C-alpha atoms as a PDB file:
ATOM      1  CA  MET A   1      59.597 169.529  26.084  1.00  0.00           C
ATOM      2  CA  SER A   2      60.157 165.989  26.693  1.00  0.00           C
ATOM      3  CA  ALA A   3      62.792 164.646  28.962  1.00  0.00           C
ATOM      4  CA  ALA A   4      65.065 162.214  27.310  1.00  0.00           C
ATOM      5  CA  GLN A   5      65.686 159.129  29.317  1.00  0.00           C
ATOM      6  CA  GLN A   6      69.329 158.393  29.657  1.00  0.00           C
ATOM      7  CA  GLN A   7      70.453 154.754  29.747  1.00  0.00           C
ATOM      8  CA  LEU A   8      73.795 153.631  31.092  1.00  0.00           C
ATOM      9  CA  PRO A   9      75.922 151.680  28.634  1.00  0.00           C
ATOM     10  CA  GLU A  10      75.435 147.893  29.054  1.00  0.00           C
ATOM     11  CA  GLY A  11      78.235 146.013  30.831  1.00  0.00           C
ATOM     12  CA  ARG A  12      79.990 149.175  31.894  1.00  0.00           C
ATOM     13  CA  TYR A  13      78.565 149.409  35.385  1.00  0.00           C
ATOM     14  CA  SER A  14      77.585 146.426  37.528  1.00  0.00           C
ATOM     15  CA  SER A  15      74.185 146.298  39.060  1.00  0.00           C
ATOM     16  CA  PRO A  16      74.258 146.774  42.830  1.00  0.00           C
ATOM     17  CA  ARG A  17      71.550 144.100  43.153  1.00  0.00           C
ATOM     18  CA  SER A  18      73.710 141.365  41.642  1.00  0.00           C
ATOM     19  CA  ALA A  19      76.496 141.857  44.235  1.00  0.00           C
ATOM     20  CA  ASP A  20      73.997 141.764  47.096  1.00  0.00           C
ATOM     21  CA  ALA A  21      72.301 138.689  45.656  1.00  0.00           C
ATOM     22  CA  ARG A  22      75.632 136.847  45.467  1.00  0.00           C
ATOM     23  CA  ALA A  23      76.481 137.753  49.076  1.00  0.00           C
ATOM     24  CA  ASP A  24      73.031 136.666  50.254  1.00  0.00           C
ATOM     25  CA  ARG A  25      73.362 133.364  48.423  1.00  0.00           C
ATOM     26  CA  LYS A  26      76.761 132.665  50.025  1.00  0.00           C
ATOM     27  CA  LEU A  27      75.367 133.446  53.474  1.00  0.00           C
ATOM     28  CA  ARG A  28      72.386 131.132  52.894  1.00  0.00           C
ATOM     29  CA  ILE A  29      74.678 128.294  51.797  1.00  0.00           C
ATOM     30  CA  ALA A  30      76.935 128.808  54.826  1.00  0.00           C
ATOM     31  CA  ALA A  31      73.914 128.833  57.171  1.00  0.00           C
ATOM     32  CA  ILE A  32      72.528 125.631  55.630  1.00  0.00           C
ATOM     33  CA  VAL A  33      75.884 123.841  55.939  1.00  0.00           C
ATOM     34  CA  LEU A  34      76.421 124.942  59.546  1.00  0.00           C
ATOM     35  CA  GLY A  35      72.822 124.113  60.490  1.00  0.00           C
ATOM     36  CA  THR A  36      73.150 120.639  58.977  1.00  0.00           C
ATOM     37  CA  LEU A  37      76.406 120.008  60.858  1.00  0.00           C
ATOM     38  CA  PHE A  38      74.838 121.183  64.120  1.00  0.00           C
ATOM     39  CA  ALA A  39      71.788 118.942  63.615  1.00  0.00           C
ATOM     40  CA  ALA A  40      74.032 115.964  62.838  1.00  0.00           C
ATOM     41  CA  MET A  41      76.031 116.613  66.008  1.00  0.00           C
ATOM     42  CA  MET A  42      72.854 116.764  68.113  1.00  0.00           C
ATOM     43  CA  VAL A  43      71.628 113.476  66.617  1.00  0.00           C
ATOM     44  CA  TRP A  44      75.012 111.869  67.350  1.00  0.00           C
ATOM     45  CA  PHE A  45      75.010 113.000  71.007  1.00  0.00           C
ATOM     46  CA  GLY A  46      71.375 111.969  71.447  1.00  0.00           C
ATOM     47  CA  TRP A  47      72.001 108.526  70.008  1.00  0.00           C
ATOM     48  CA  TYR A  48      75.055 108.050  72.231  1.00  0.00           C
ATOM     49  CA  TYR A  49      73.097 109.151  75.298  1.00  0.00           C
ATOM     50  CA  ILE A  50      70.120 106.859  74.632  1.00  0.00           C
ATOM     51  CA  ALA A  51      71.577 103.756  73.003  1.00  0.00           C
ATOM     52  CA  GLY A  52      75.336 103.882  72.865  1.00  0.00           C
ATOM     53  CA  GLY A  53      76.184 104.955  76.374  1.00  0.00           C
ATOM     54  CA  SER A  54      77.415 102.933  79.284  1.00  0.00           C
ATOM     55  CA  LYS A  55      76.334  99.294  79.378  1.00  0.00           C
ATOM     56  CA  PHE A  56      77.293  99.133  83.045  1.00  0.00           C
ATOM     57  CA  SER A  57      75.530 101.292  85.632  1.00  0.00           C
ATOM     58  CA  GLY A  58      74.785 101.227  89.323  1.00  0.00           C
ATOM     59  CA  GLU A  59      72.748 102.870  92.032  1.00  0.00           C
ATOM     60  CA  VAL A  60      73.117 103.186  95.807  1.00  0.00           C
ATOM     61  CA  ILE A  61      69.938 101.789  97.347  1.00  0.00           C
ATOM     62  CA  ALA A  62      70.879 102.297 101.006  1.00  0.00           C
ATOM     63  CA  PHE A  63      73.885 102.647 103.275  1.00  0.00           C
ATOM     64  CA  LYS A  64      74.650 102.334 106.977  1.00  0.00           C
ATOM     65  CA  THR A  65      77.613 103.969 108.686  1.00  0.00           C
ATOM     66  CA  TYR A  66      79.749 102.460 111.431  1.00  0.00           C
ATOM     67  CA  ASP A  67      82.870 103.725 113.222  1.00  0.00           C
ATOM     68  CA  ASP A  68      85.410 102.299 110.754  1.00  0.00           C
ATOM     69  CA  ASN A  69      83.333 101.370 107.687  1.00  0.00           C
ATOM     70  CA  VAL A  70      80.218 102.001 105.650  1.00  0.00           C
ATOM     71  CA  LYS A  71      78.007  99.182 104.396  1.00  0.00           C
ATOM     72  CA  VAL A  72      76.537 100.070 100.998  1.00  0.00           C
ATOM     73  CA  HIS A  73      73.675  98.272  99.248  1.00  0.00           C
ATOM     74  CA  LEU A  74      74.266  98.565  95.483  1.00  0.00           C
ATOM     75  CA  GLU A  75      72.074  97.653  92.540  1.00  0.00           C
ATOM     76  CA  ILE A  76      74.086  97.045  89.364  1.00  0.00           C
ATOM     77  CA  ARG A  77      72.544  96.868  85.872  1.00  0.00           C
ATOM     78  CA  LYS A  78      74.672  95.604  83.002  1.00  0.00           C
ATOM     79  CA  ASP A  79      74.715  93.421  79.916  1.00  0.00           C
ATOM     80  CA  THR A  80      74.761  89.715  80.819  1.00  0.00           C
ATOM     81  CA  GLY A  81      78.330  89.009  79.715  1.00  0.00           C
ATOM     82  CA  THR A  82      79.821  92.314  80.840  1.00  0.00           C
ATOM     83  CA  SER A  83      82.113  92.692  83.821  1.00  0.00           C
ATOM     84  CA  GLY A  84      83.360  95.892  85.416  1.00  0.00           C
ATOM     85  CA  TYR A  85      83.751  97.881  88.582  1.00  0.00           C
ATOM     86  CA  CYS A  86      82.064 100.663  90.534  1.00  0.00           C
ATOM     87  CA  THR A  87      83.817 103.349  92.584  1.00  0.00           C
ATOM     88  CA  ILE A  88      82.312 104.390  95.908  1.00  0.00           C
ATOM     89  CA  ARG A  89      83.478 107.067  98.306  1.00  0.00           C
ATOM     90  CA  SER A  90      82.487 108.211 101.763  1.00  0.00           C
ATOM     91  CA  GLN A  91      82.879 111.615 103.389  1.00  0.00           C
ATOM     92  CA  ASP A  92      82.760 112.732 107.000  1.00  0.00           C
ATOM     93  CA  ALA A  93      80.505 115.475 108.380  1.00  0.00           C
ATOM     94  CA  ASP A  94      83.000 118.184 107.299  1.00  0.00           C
ATOM     95  CA  GLY A  95      83.056 116.945 103.697  1.00  0.00           C
ATOM     96  CA  SER A  96      86.525 115.385 103.838  1.00  0.00           C
ATOM     97  CA  GLU A  97      86.921 112.079 102.039  1.00  0.00           C
ATOM     98  CA  VAL A  98      87.467 109.245 104.528  1.00  0.00           C
ATOM     99  CA  GLY A  99      87.150 106.256 102.193  1.00  0.00           C
ATOM    100  CA  ARG A 100      87.206 105.316  98.517  1.00  0.00           C
ATOM    101  CA  ALA A 101      87.258 101.897  96.862  1.00  0.00           C
ATOM    102  CA  ASP A 102      86.528 100.073  93.600  1.00  0.00           C
ATOM    103  CA  PHE A 103      84.274  97.012  93.735  1.00  0.00           C
ATOM    104  CA  ARG A 104      84.362  94.457  90.892  1.00  0.00           C
ATOM    105  CA  PHE A 105      81.287  92.761  89.474  1.00  0.00           C
ATOM    106  CA  ASP A 106      82.050  89.714  87.306  1.00  0.00           C
ATOM    107  CA  GLN A 107      78.747  87.859  87.734  1.00  0.00           C
ATOM    108  CA  LYS A 108      76.946  86.725  84.585  1.00  0.00           C
ATOM    109  CA  GLN A 109      73.548  88.194  85.589  1.00  0.00           C
ATOM    110  CA  ASP A 110      72.254  91.446  84.120  1.00  0.00           C
ATOM    111  CA  ARG A 111      71.031  92.772  87.500  1.00  0.00           C
ATOM    112  CA  ILE A 112      72.988  92.386  90.747  1.00  0.00           C
ATOM    113  CA  ASP A 113      72.009  93.412  94.292  1.00  0.00           C
ATOM    114  CA  LYS A 114      74.985  93.351  96.618  1.00  0.00           C
ATOM    115  CA  VAL A 115      76.024  94.838  99.954  1.00  0.00           C
ATOM    116  CA  VAL A 116      79.673  95.916  99.981  1.00  0.00           C
ATOM    117  CA  THR A 117      81.805  97.232 102.851  1.00  0.00           C
ATOM    118  CA  LEU A 118      83.803 100.419 102.363  1.00  0.00           C
ATOM    119  CA  ARG A 119      86.536 100.854 104.967  1.00  0.00           C
ATOM    120  CA  THR A 120      87.014 104.364 106.309  1.00  0.00           C
ATOM    121  CA  SER A 121      89.980 106.022 108.000  1.00  0.00           C
ATOM    122  CA  GLY A 122      90.544 109.442 109.524  1.00  0.00           C
ATOM    123  CA  GLY A 123      86.936 109.887 110.598  1.00  0.00           C
ATOM    124  CA  ARG A 124      83.480 108.402 110.592  1.00  0.00           C
ATOM    125  CA  GLY A 125      81.860 108.295 107.187  1.00  0.00           C
ATOM    126  CA  THR A 126      78.474 109.963 106.966  1.00  0.00           C
ATOM    127  CA  THR A 127      77.802 109.412 103.242  1.00  0.00           C
ATOM    128  CA  ALA A 128      78.115 106.755 100.580  1.00  0.00           C
ATOM    129  CA  GLU A 129      78.409 108.180  97.077  1.00  0.00           C
ATOM    130  CA  LEU A 130      78.628 106.191  93.853  1.00  0.00           C
ATOM    131  CA  LEU A 131      81.181 108.029  91.711  1.00  0.00           C
ATOM    132  CA  GLY A 132      80.624 105.840  88.675  1.00  0.00           C
ATOM    133  CA  CYS A 133      80.600 102.391  87.126  1.00  0.00           C
ATOM    134  CA  HIS A 134      82.799 101.310  84.237  1.00  0.00           C
ATOM    135  CA  ALA A 135      82.711  98.229  82.024  1.00  0.00           C
ATOM    136  CA  ASP A 136      85.960  96.429  81.205  1.00  0.00           C
END
């Protein structure tokens, strides 16, 4: 006796492989699109961080505290024609803010060394912290 092989009628039943293949293809396309968008976002943030960021920055080199003020030695780096300001604050030994001020830098040089005086009130300042520099 021979077993007769039974075939399903064509077009009557869908192949389970074709549905899975379509789902896999859609998932691959979605993963490629999302991966490309993520890579583009990382490139954008990296470019902004390296080249497109702030053109005006500063650094506290040294500071000296007195009873009613803090003398702060700043080094400012900026584009030659750029002007802006830097914000400095001082805190007392308990961490309370005793002074905050903005200092303008309009000089035409690209590197500026300057000693500024930050007045304090309500306590003796024990720190000098550069909160940030901003171009106009």
